[in-house]
């Protein structure tokens, strides 16, 4: 028996009995507004945070789980709140590290056809019905992303961040790919196919740092944040402007 459709499915799919959209979509807009307001209100006091992404299917016996705990702990001890998708796997590891480091541990949970409860290490939980509202919170309140091995959802979050930086919608902040071996194939394809065919510019691949070291990941974020504090983000805006100008030529 199929589970009841989620709000995302109802919004995006046209199948089913035809109903006058004016009787349904305006109310969805109100519901979406409510989610945005709740997210903004709950996270308004977050000064600086790092979002950690990765697979929900990674267990505590996986080395990447321990690496995510350690990365989050180091960042938490440096004063960064940690945001995750609130689920198991890498998300759980990130929230666990936040608690170990004494920082705020935030989870942005999503309604799915199958139940995804929040992991036990989340201090501040926000539940979302719509992916795009949830992703807005990840972007708006983060000063860096750490991307651990994951599937389609992780790739979606990675490429959305890169696109927003590339197009100047947000300032250039650290996007760290954790796990050299896991990401090697994707990076080879980006170089050999996407870059070589001119679909992206030379500097676009410099938007990512690849590492296997929690200390290196944490230090890169700490250093970048200190630079932003000294300049108000101007150096990132300059780099973004230069990159966009180069693409126009």
C-alpha atoms as a PDB file:
ATOM      1  CA  UNK A   1       0.000   0.000   0.000  1.00  0.00           C
ATOM      2  CA  UNK A   2       1.405   3.348  -1.048  1.00  0.00           C
ATOM      3  CA  UNK A   3       2.025   5.954   1.614  1.00  0.00           C
ATOM      4  CA  UNK A   4      -0.051   9.133   1.571  1.00  0.00           C
ATOM      5  CA  UNK A   5       1.463  11.797  -0.718  1.00  0.00           C
ATOM      6  CA  UNK A   6       3.654  14.447   0.892  1.00  0.00           C
ATOM      7  CA  UNK A   7       3.015  18.161   0.427  1.00  0.00           C
ATOM      8  CA  UNK A   8       5.893  18.350  -2.088  1.00  0.00           C
ATOM      9  CA  UNK A   9       4.235  15.632  -4.194  1.00  0.00           C
ATOM     10  CA  UNK A  10       0.860  17.365  -4.102  1.00  0.00           C
ATOM     11  CA  UNK A  11       2.457  20.606  -5.265  1.00  0.00           C
ATOM     12  CA  UNK A  12       4.620  19.193  -8.053  1.00  0.00           C
ATOM     13  CA  UNK A  13       2.463  16.429  -9.528  1.00  0.00           C
ATOM     14  CA  UNK A  14      -0.557  17.038 -11.736  1.00  0.00           C
ATOM     15  CA  UNK A  15      -2.005  13.524 -11.564  1.00  0.00           C
ATOM     16  CA  UNK A  16      -5.361  13.006  -9.906  1.00  0.00           C
ATOM     17  CA  UNK A  17      -8.780  14.596 -10.147  1.00  0.00           C
ATOM     18  CA  UNK A  18      -8.815  18.023 -11.731  1.00  0.00           C
ATOM     19  CA  UNK A  19      -9.549  20.708  -9.189  1.00  0.00           C
ATOM     20  CA  UNK A  20      -9.756  24.448  -9.741  1.00  0.00           C
ATOM     21  CA  UNK A  21      -6.210  25.501  -8.832  1.00  0.00           C
ATOM     22  CA  UNK A  22      -7.463  28.753  -7.325  1.00  0.00           C
ATOM     23  CA  UNK A  23      -8.997  26.691  -4.544  1.00  0.00           C
ATOM     24  CA  UNK A  24      -5.757  24.944  -3.614  1.00  0.00           C
ATOM     25  CA  UNK A  25      -2.543  26.691  -4.694  1.00  0.00           C
ATOM     26  CA  UNK A  26      -3.169  29.985  -2.870  1.00  0.00           C
ATOM     27  CA  UNK A  27      -3.420  28.023   0.356  1.00  0.00           C
ATOM     28  CA  UNK A  28      -0.181  26.254  -0.485  1.00  0.00           C
ATOM     29  CA  UNK A  29       1.438  29.664  -0.843  1.00  0.00           C
ATOM     30  CA  UNK A  30       0.270  30.528   2.663  1.00  0.00           C
ATOM     31  CA  UNK A  31       1.665  27.246   3.956  1.00  0.00           C
ATOM     32  CA  UNK A  32       4.987  27.933   2.229  1.00  0.00           C
ATOM     33  CA  UNK A  33       5.067  31.422   3.730  1.00  0.00           C
ATOM     34  CA  UNK A  34       4.460  29.881   7.129  1.00  0.00           C
ATOM     35  CA  UNK A  35       7.442  27.557   6.721  1.00  0.00           C
ATOM     36  CA  UNK A  36       9.683  30.423   5.639  1.00  0.00           C
ATOM     37  CA  UNK A  37       8.613  32.552   8.599  1.00  0.00           C
ATOM     38  CA  UNK A  38       9.093  29.686  11.053  1.00  0.00           C
ATOM     39  CA  UNK A  39      12.564  28.968   9.694  1.00  0.00           C
ATOM     40  CA  UNK A  40      13.644  32.606   9.735  1.00  0.00           C
ATOM     41  CA  UNK A  41      12.233  33.120  13.219  1.00  0.00           C
ATOM     42  CA  UNK A  42      13.836  29.992  14.679  1.00  0.00           C
ATOM     43  CA  UNK A  43      17.260  30.680  13.182  1.00  0.00           C
ATOM     44  CA  UNK A  44      17.306  34.470  13.504  1.00  0.00           C
ATOM     45  CA  UNK A  45      19.789  34.371  16.378  1.00  0.00           C
ATOM     46  CA  UNK A  46      22.259  32.106  14.542  1.00  0.00           C
ATOM     47  CA  UNK A  47      25.395  34.195  14.115  1.00  0.00           C
ATOM     48  CA  UNK A  48      27.576  31.752  12.190  1.00  0.00           C
ATOM     49  CA  UNK A  49      26.874  28.176  11.201  1.00  0.00           C
ATOM     50  CA  UNK A  50      28.270  25.440   8.998  1.00  0.00           C
ATOM     51  CA  UNK A  51      25.989  22.990   7.229  1.00  0.00           C
ATOM     52  CA  UNK A  52      27.149  19.389   6.958  1.00  0.00           C
ATOM     53  CA  UNK A  53      25.638  17.249   4.203  1.00  0.00           C
ATOM     54  CA  UNK A  54      25.980  13.558   3.433  1.00  0.00           C
ATOM     55  CA  UNK A  55      24.246  10.229   3.144  1.00  0.00           C
ATOM     56  CA  UNK A  56      21.607   9.073   5.600  1.00  0.00           C
ATOM     57  CA  UNK A  57      22.737   5.508   4.809  1.00  0.00           C
ATOM     58  CA  UNK A  58      26.149   5.735   6.451  1.00  0.00           C
ATOM     59  CA  UNK A  59      26.333   3.930   9.783  1.00  0.00           C
ATOM     60  CA  UNK A  60      28.440   4.625  12.885  1.00  0.00           C
ATOM     61  CA  UNK A  61      30.920   1.946  11.774  1.00  0.00           C
ATOM     62  CA  UNK A  62      31.809   3.899   8.610  1.00  0.00           C
ATOM     63  CA  UNK A  63      35.026   5.992   8.814  1.00  0.00           C
ATOM     64  CA  UNK A  64      33.183   8.945   7.291  1.00  0.00           C
ATOM     65  CA  UNK A  65      30.789   8.952  10.258  1.00  0.00           C
ATOM     66  CA  UNK A  66      33.682   9.441  12.671  1.00  0.00           C
ATOM     67  CA  UNK A  67      35.207  12.056  10.373  1.00  0.00           C
ATOM     68  CA  UNK A  68      31.936  14.004  10.332  1.00  0.00           C
ATOM     69  CA  UNK A  69      31.729  13.882  14.128  1.00  0.00           C
ATOM     70  CA  UNK A  70      35.286  15.185  14.415  1.00  0.00           C
ATOM     71  CA  UNK A  71      34.829  17.902  11.795  1.00  0.00           C
ATOM     72  CA  UNK A  72      31.677  19.143  13.508  1.00  0.00           C
ATOM     73  CA  UNK A  73      33.314  18.995  16.933  1.00  0.00           C
ATOM     74  CA  UNK A  74      36.274  21.116  15.808  1.00  0.00           C
ATOM     75  CA  UNK A  75      33.968  23.673  14.227  1.00  0.00           C
ATOM     76  CA  UNK A  76      31.715  23.714  17.287  1.00  0.00           C
ATOM     77  CA  UNK A  77      34.677  24.364  19.558  1.00  0.00           C
ATOM     78  CA  UNK A  78      35.572  27.287  17.290  1.00  0.00           C
ATOM     79  CA  UNK A  79      32.132  28.791  17.872  1.00  0.00           C
ATOM     80  CA  UNK A  80      30.190  27.616  14.817  1.00  0.00           C
ATOM     81  CA  UNK A  81      26.683  26.238  15.090  1.00  0.00           C
ATOM     82  CA  UNK A  82      26.140  23.065  13.067  1.00  0.00           C
ATOM     83  CA  UNK A  83      23.179  22.592  10.730  1.00  0.00           C
ATOM     84  CA  UNK A  84      22.178  19.267   9.172  1.00  0.00           C
ATOM     85  CA  UNK A  85      19.130  17.689   7.573  1.00  0.00           C
ATOM     86  CA  UNK A  86      18.306  16.188  11.010  1.00  0.00           C
ATOM     87  CA  UNK A  87      18.280  12.583   9.802  1.00  0.00           C
ATOM     88  CA  UNK A  88      20.560   9.591  10.434  1.00  0.00           C
ATOM     89  CA  UNK A  89      23.990   8.851   8.960  1.00  0.00           C
ATOM     90  CA  UNK A  90      26.246  11.815   8.277  1.00  0.00           C
ATOM     91  CA  UNK A  91      23.539  14.176   9.528  1.00  0.00           C
ATOM     92  CA  UNK A  92      23.493  12.414  12.880  1.00  0.00           C
ATOM     93  CA  UNK A  93      27.286  12.520  13.010  1.00  0.00           C
ATOM     94  CA  UNK A  94      27.304  16.267  12.387  1.00  0.00           C
ATOM     95  CA  UNK A  95      24.787  16.938  15.149  1.00  0.00           C
ATOM     96  CA  UNK A  96      26.666  14.640  17.511  1.00  0.00           C
ATOM     97  CA  UNK A  97      29.884  16.547  16.885  1.00  0.00           C
ATOM     98  CA  UNK A  98      28.086  19.823  17.529  1.00  0.00           C
ATOM     99  CA  UNK A  99      26.954  18.609  20.939  1.00  0.00           C
ATOM    100  CA  UNK A 100      30.402  17.271  21.790  1.00  0.00           C
ATOM    101  CA  UNK A 101      31.893  20.648  20.905  1.00  0.00           C
ATOM    102  CA  UNK A 102      29.339  22.584  22.924  1.00  0.00           C
ATOM    103  CA  UNK A 103      27.685  24.410  20.012  1.00  0.00           C
ATOM    104  CA  UNK A 104      24.111  24.751  18.884  1.00  0.00           C
ATOM    105  CA  UNK A 105      22.996  21.614  17.040  1.00  0.00           C
ATOM    106  CA  UNK A 106      20.337  22.416  14.422  1.00  0.00           C
ATOM    107  CA  UNK A 107      18.305  19.989  12.343  1.00  0.00           C
ATOM    108  CA  UNK A 108      16.167  20.917   9.333  1.00  0.00           C
ATOM    109  CA  UNK A 109      14.007  17.845   8.817  1.00  0.00           C
ATOM    110  CA  UNK A 110      11.997  17.139   5.640  1.00  0.00           C
ATOM    111  CA  UNK A 111       8.680  15.335   5.195  1.00  0.00           C
ATOM    112  CA  UNK A 112       9.259  12.223   3.069  1.00  0.00           C
ATOM    113  CA  UNK A 113       7.022   9.377   1.826  1.00  0.00           C
ATOM    114  CA  UNK A 114       8.875   7.194   4.326  1.00  0.00           C
ATOM    115  CA  UNK A 115       9.274   8.393   7.881  1.00  0.00           C
ATOM    116  CA  UNK A 116      12.510  10.220   8.710  1.00  0.00           C
ATOM    117  CA  UNK A 117      12.604  11.074  12.369  1.00  0.00           C
ATOM    118  CA  UNK A 118      15.138  13.485  13.797  1.00  0.00           C
ATOM    119  CA  UNK A 119      18.325  12.020  15.203  1.00  0.00           C
ATOM    120  CA  UNK A 120      18.822  12.236  19.002  1.00  0.00           C
ATOM    121  CA  UNK A 121      21.593  14.865  18.785  1.00  0.00           C
ATOM    122  CA  UNK A 122      19.426  17.702  17.449  1.00  0.00           C
ATOM    123  CA  UNK A 123      18.822  20.558  19.908  1.00  0.00           C
ATOM    124  CA  UNK A 124      16.871  22.866  17.596  1.00  0.00           C
ATOM    125  CA  UNK A 125      14.510  21.080  15.196  1.00  0.00           C
ATOM    126  CA  UNK A 126      12.559  22.631  12.328  1.00  0.00           C
ATOM    127  CA  UNK A 127      10.254  20.455  10.220  1.00  0.00           C
ATOM    128  CA  UNK A 128       9.705  21.303   6.558  1.00  0.00           C
ATOM    129  CA  UNK A 129       7.257  20.030   3.963  1.00  0.00           C
ATOM    130  CA  UNK A 130       8.998  21.717   1.018  1.00  0.00           C
ATOM    131  CA  UNK A 131      12.567  21.019  -0.077  1.00  0.00           C
ATOM    132  CA  UNK A 132      13.168  24.484  -1.494  1.00  0.00           C
ATOM    133  CA  UNK A 133      12.263  26.209   1.777  1.00  0.00           C
ATOM    134  CA  UNK A 134      14.552  23.869   3.674  1.00  0.00           C
ATOM    135  CA  UNK A 135      17.416  24.534   1.259  1.00  0.00           C
ATOM    136  CA  UNK A 136      16.912  28.263   1.712  1.00  0.00           C
ATOM    137  CA  UNK A 137      17.645  27.822   5.421  1.00  0.00           C
ATOM    138  CA  UNK A 138      20.807  25.845   4.698  1.00  0.00           C
ATOM    139  CA  UNK A 139      22.102  28.604   2.440  1.00  0.00           C
ATOM    140  CA  UNK A 140      20.944  31.662   4.370  1.00  0.00           C
ATOM    141  CA  UNK A 141      22.419  30.730   7.730  1.00  0.00           C
ATOM    142  CA  UNK A 142      25.652  29.012   6.673  1.00  0.00           C
ATOM    143  CA  UNK A 143      29.117  30.433   6.180  1.00  0.00           C
ATOM    144  CA  UNK A 144      30.394  27.144   4.726  1.00  0.00           C
ATOM    145  CA  UNK A 145      29.269  23.730   3.500  1.00  0.00           C
ATOM    146  CA  UNK A 146      31.024  20.439   4.214  1.00  0.00           C
ATOM    147  CA  UNK A 147      29.881  17.766   1.767  1.00  0.00           C
ATOM    148  CA  UNK A 148      30.474  14.169   2.809  1.00  0.00           C
ATOM    149  CA  UNK A 149      29.771  11.182   0.539  1.00  0.00           C
ATOM    150  CA  UNK A 150      26.104  10.968  -0.353  1.00  0.00           C
ATOM    151  CA  UNK A 151      23.536  10.425  -3.076  1.00  0.00           C
ATOM    152  CA  UNK A 152      21.216  12.565  -5.183  1.00  0.00           C
ATOM    153  CA  UNK A 153      20.157  14.802  -2.299  1.00  0.00           C
ATOM    154  CA  UNK A 154      23.757  15.527  -1.363  1.00  0.00           C
ATOM    155  CA  UNK A 155      24.646  16.272  -4.992  1.00  0.00           C
ATOM    156  CA  UNK A 156      21.628  18.567  -5.271  1.00  0.00           C
ATOM    157  CA  UNK A 157      22.797  20.577  -2.267  1.00  0.00           C
ATOM    158  CA  UNK A 158      26.387  20.671  -3.536  1.00  0.00           C
ATOM    159  CA  UNK A 159      25.543  21.955  -6.998  1.00  0.00           C
ATOM    160  CA  UNK A 160      22.979  24.448  -5.736  1.00  0.00           C
ATOM    161  CA  UNK A 161      25.657  26.047  -3.541  1.00  0.00           C
ATOM    162  CA  UNK A 162      28.159  26.099  -6.410  1.00  0.00           C
ATOM    163  CA  UNK A 163      25.580  27.631  -8.755  1.00  0.00           C
ATOM    164  CA  UNK A 164      24.677  30.385  -6.293  1.00  0.00           C
ATOM    165  CA  UNK A 165      28.344  31.241  -5.779  1.00  0.00           C
ATOM    166  CA  UNK A 166      29.135  31.062  -9.503  1.00  0.00           C
ATOM    167  CA  UNK A 167      26.285  33.419 -10.380  1.00  0.00           C
ATOM    168  CA  UNK A 168      27.013  35.864  -7.575  1.00  0.00           C
ATOM    169  CA  UNK A 169      23.798  35.225  -5.649  1.00  0.00           C
ATOM    170  CA  UNK A 170      25.821  34.559  -2.499  1.00  0.00           C
ATOM    171  CA  UNK A 171      29.387  35.472  -1.611  1.00  0.00           C
ATOM    172  CA  UNK A 172      32.051  32.864  -2.108  1.00  0.00           C
ATOM    173  CA  UNK A 173      32.202  30.718   0.988  1.00  0.00           C
ATOM    174  CA  UNK A 174      34.055  27.418   1.515  1.00  0.00           C
ATOM    175  CA  UNK A 175      32.513  24.363  -0.142  1.00  0.00           C
ATOM    176  CA  UNK A 176      34.479  21.394   1.119  1.00  0.00           C
ATOM    177  CA  UNK A 177      34.241  17.925  -0.385  1.00  0.00           C
ATOM    178  CA  UNK A 178      35.224  15.398   2.250  1.00  0.00           C
ATOM    179  CA  UNK A 179      36.558  12.088   0.937  1.00  0.00           C
ATOM    180  CA  UNK A 180      39.096  12.289  -1.884  1.00  0.00           C
ATOM    181  CA  UNK A 181      38.471   8.787  -3.183  1.00  0.00           C
ATOM    182  CA  UNK A 182      34.683   9.175  -3.205  1.00  0.00           C
ATOM    183  CA  UNK A 183      34.681  12.477  -5.094  1.00  0.00           C
ATOM    184  CA  UNK A 184      37.572  11.676  -7.455  1.00  0.00           C
ATOM    185  CA  UNK A 185      35.362  10.324 -10.253  1.00  0.00           C
ATOM    186  CA  UNK A 186      33.060  13.348 -10.211  1.00  0.00           C
ATOM    187  CA  UNK A 187      36.001  15.752 -10.254  1.00  0.00           C
ATOM    188  CA  UNK A 188      37.639  13.886 -13.144  1.00  0.00           C
ATOM    189  CA  UNK A 189      34.398  14.125 -15.131  1.00  0.00           C
ATOM    190  CA  UNK A 190      34.060  17.835 -14.386  1.00  0.00           C
ATOM    191  CA  UNK A 191      37.610  18.422 -15.643  1.00  0.00           C
ATOM    192  CA  UNK A 192      37.562  16.057 -18.620  1.00  0.00           C
ATOM    193  CA  UNK A 193      34.081  16.776 -19.908  1.00  0.00           C
ATOM    194  CA  UNK A 194      32.402  19.849 -18.441  1.00  0.00           C
ATOM    195  CA  UNK A 195      35.461  22.115 -18.273  1.00  0.00           C
ATOM    196  CA  UNK A 196      37.062  20.862 -21.492  1.00  0.00           C
ATOM    197  CA  UNK A 197      33.842  21.569 -23.417  1.00  0.00           C
ATOM    198  CA  UNK A 198      33.638  25.084 -22.019  1.00  0.00           C
ATOM    199  CA  UNK A 199      30.504  24.492 -19.962  1.00  0.00           C
ATOM    200  CA  UNK A 200      32.208  26.028 -16.927  1.00  0.00           C
ATOM    201  CA  UNK A 201      35.164  28.370 -16.501  1.00  0.00           C
ATOM    202  CA  UNK A 202      38.639  27.503 -15.199  1.00  0.00           C
ATOM    203  CA  UNK A 203      38.044  29.152 -11.835  1.00  0.00           C
ATOM    204  CA  UNK A 204      34.771  27.373 -11.161  1.00  0.00           C
ATOM    205  CA  UNK A 205      36.492  24.202 -10.015  1.00  0.00           C
ATOM    206  CA  UNK A 206      38.501  26.273  -7.551  1.00  0.00           C
ATOM    207  CA  UNK A 207      35.279  26.841  -5.622  1.00  0.00           C
ATOM    208  CA  UNK A 208      35.750  23.429  -3.986  1.00  0.00           C
ATOM    209  CA  UNK A 209      38.349  22.177  -1.526  1.00  0.00           C
ATOM    210  CA  UNK A 210      38.839  18.403  -1.346  1.00  0.00           C
ATOM    211  CA  UNK A 211      40.207  16.803   1.799  1.00  0.00           C
ATOM    212  CA  UNK A 212      40.315  13.689   3.971  1.00  0.00           C
ATOM    213  CA  UNK A 213      41.320  15.593   7.102  1.00  0.00           C
ATOM    214  CA  UNK A 214      38.785  16.999   9.595  1.00  0.00           C
ATOM    215  CA  UNK A 215      41.373  19.456  10.913  1.00  0.00           C
ATOM    216  CA  UNK A 216      42.074  20.790   7.409  1.00  0.00           C
ATOM    217  CA  UNK A 217      38.362  21.174   6.701  1.00  0.00           C
ATOM    218  CA  UNK A 218      37.739  23.011   9.966  1.00  0.00           C
ATOM    219  CA  UNK A 219      40.777  25.266   9.589  1.00  0.00           C
ATOM    220  CA  UNK A 220      39.812  26.243   6.039  1.00  0.00           C
ATOM    221  CA  UNK A 221      36.411  27.374   7.293  1.00  0.00           C
ATOM    222  CA  UNK A 222      37.815  29.196  10.322  1.00  0.00           C
ATOM    223  CA  UNK A 223      40.374  31.046   8.179  1.00  0.00           C
ATOM    224  CA  UNK A 224      37.799  31.989   5.546  1.00  0.00           C
ATOM    225  CA  UNK A 225      35.405  33.282   8.185  1.00  0.00           C
ATOM    226  CA  UNK A 226      38.127  35.437   9.740  1.00  0.00           C
ATOM    227  CA  UNK A 227      38.846  36.901   6.302  1.00  0.00           C
ATOM    228  CA  UNK A 228      35.182  37.738   5.828  1.00  0.00           C
ATOM    229  CA  UNK A 229      35.129  39.416   9.227  1.00  0.00           C
ATOM    230  CA  UNK A 230      38.050  41.663   8.297  1.00  0.00           C
ATOM    231  CA  UNK A 231      36.662  42.772   4.956  1.00  0.00           C
ATOM    232  CA  UNK A 232      32.906  42.388   5.311  1.00  0.00           C
ATOM    233  CA  UNK A 233      32.947  39.853   2.499  1.00  0.00           C
ATOM    234  CA  UNK A 234      34.278  42.385  -0.034  1.00  0.00           C
ATOM    235  CA  UNK A 235      37.058  40.098  -1.228  1.00  0.00           C
ATOM    236  CA  UNK A 236      34.526  37.425  -2.124  1.00  0.00           C
ATOM    237  CA  UNK A 237      32.324  39.921  -3.940  1.00  0.00           C
ATOM    238  CA  UNK A 238      35.374  41.073  -5.904  1.00  0.00           C
ATOM    239  CA  UNK A 239      36.224  37.521  -6.919  1.00  0.00           C
ATOM    240  CA  UNK A 240      32.623  36.881  -7.907  1.00  0.00           C
ATOM    241  CA  UNK A 241      32.491  40.047 -10.017  1.00  0.00           C
ATOM    242  CA  UNK A 242      35.752  39.115 -11.746  1.00  0.00           C
ATOM    243  CA  UNK A 243      34.508  35.595 -12.474  1.00  0.00           C
ATOM    244  CA  UNK A 244      31.205  36.816 -13.923  1.00  0.00           C
ATOM    245  CA  UNK A 245      32.994  39.449 -16.036  1.00  0.00           C
ATOM    246  CA  UNK A 246      35.317  36.762 -17.379  1.00  0.00           C
ATOM    247  CA  UNK A 247      32.371  34.586 -18.383  1.00  0.00           C
ATOM    248  CA  UNK A 248      30.763  37.465 -20.285  1.00  0.00           C
ATOM    249  CA  UNK A 249      33.864  38.091 -22.429  1.00  0.00           C
END
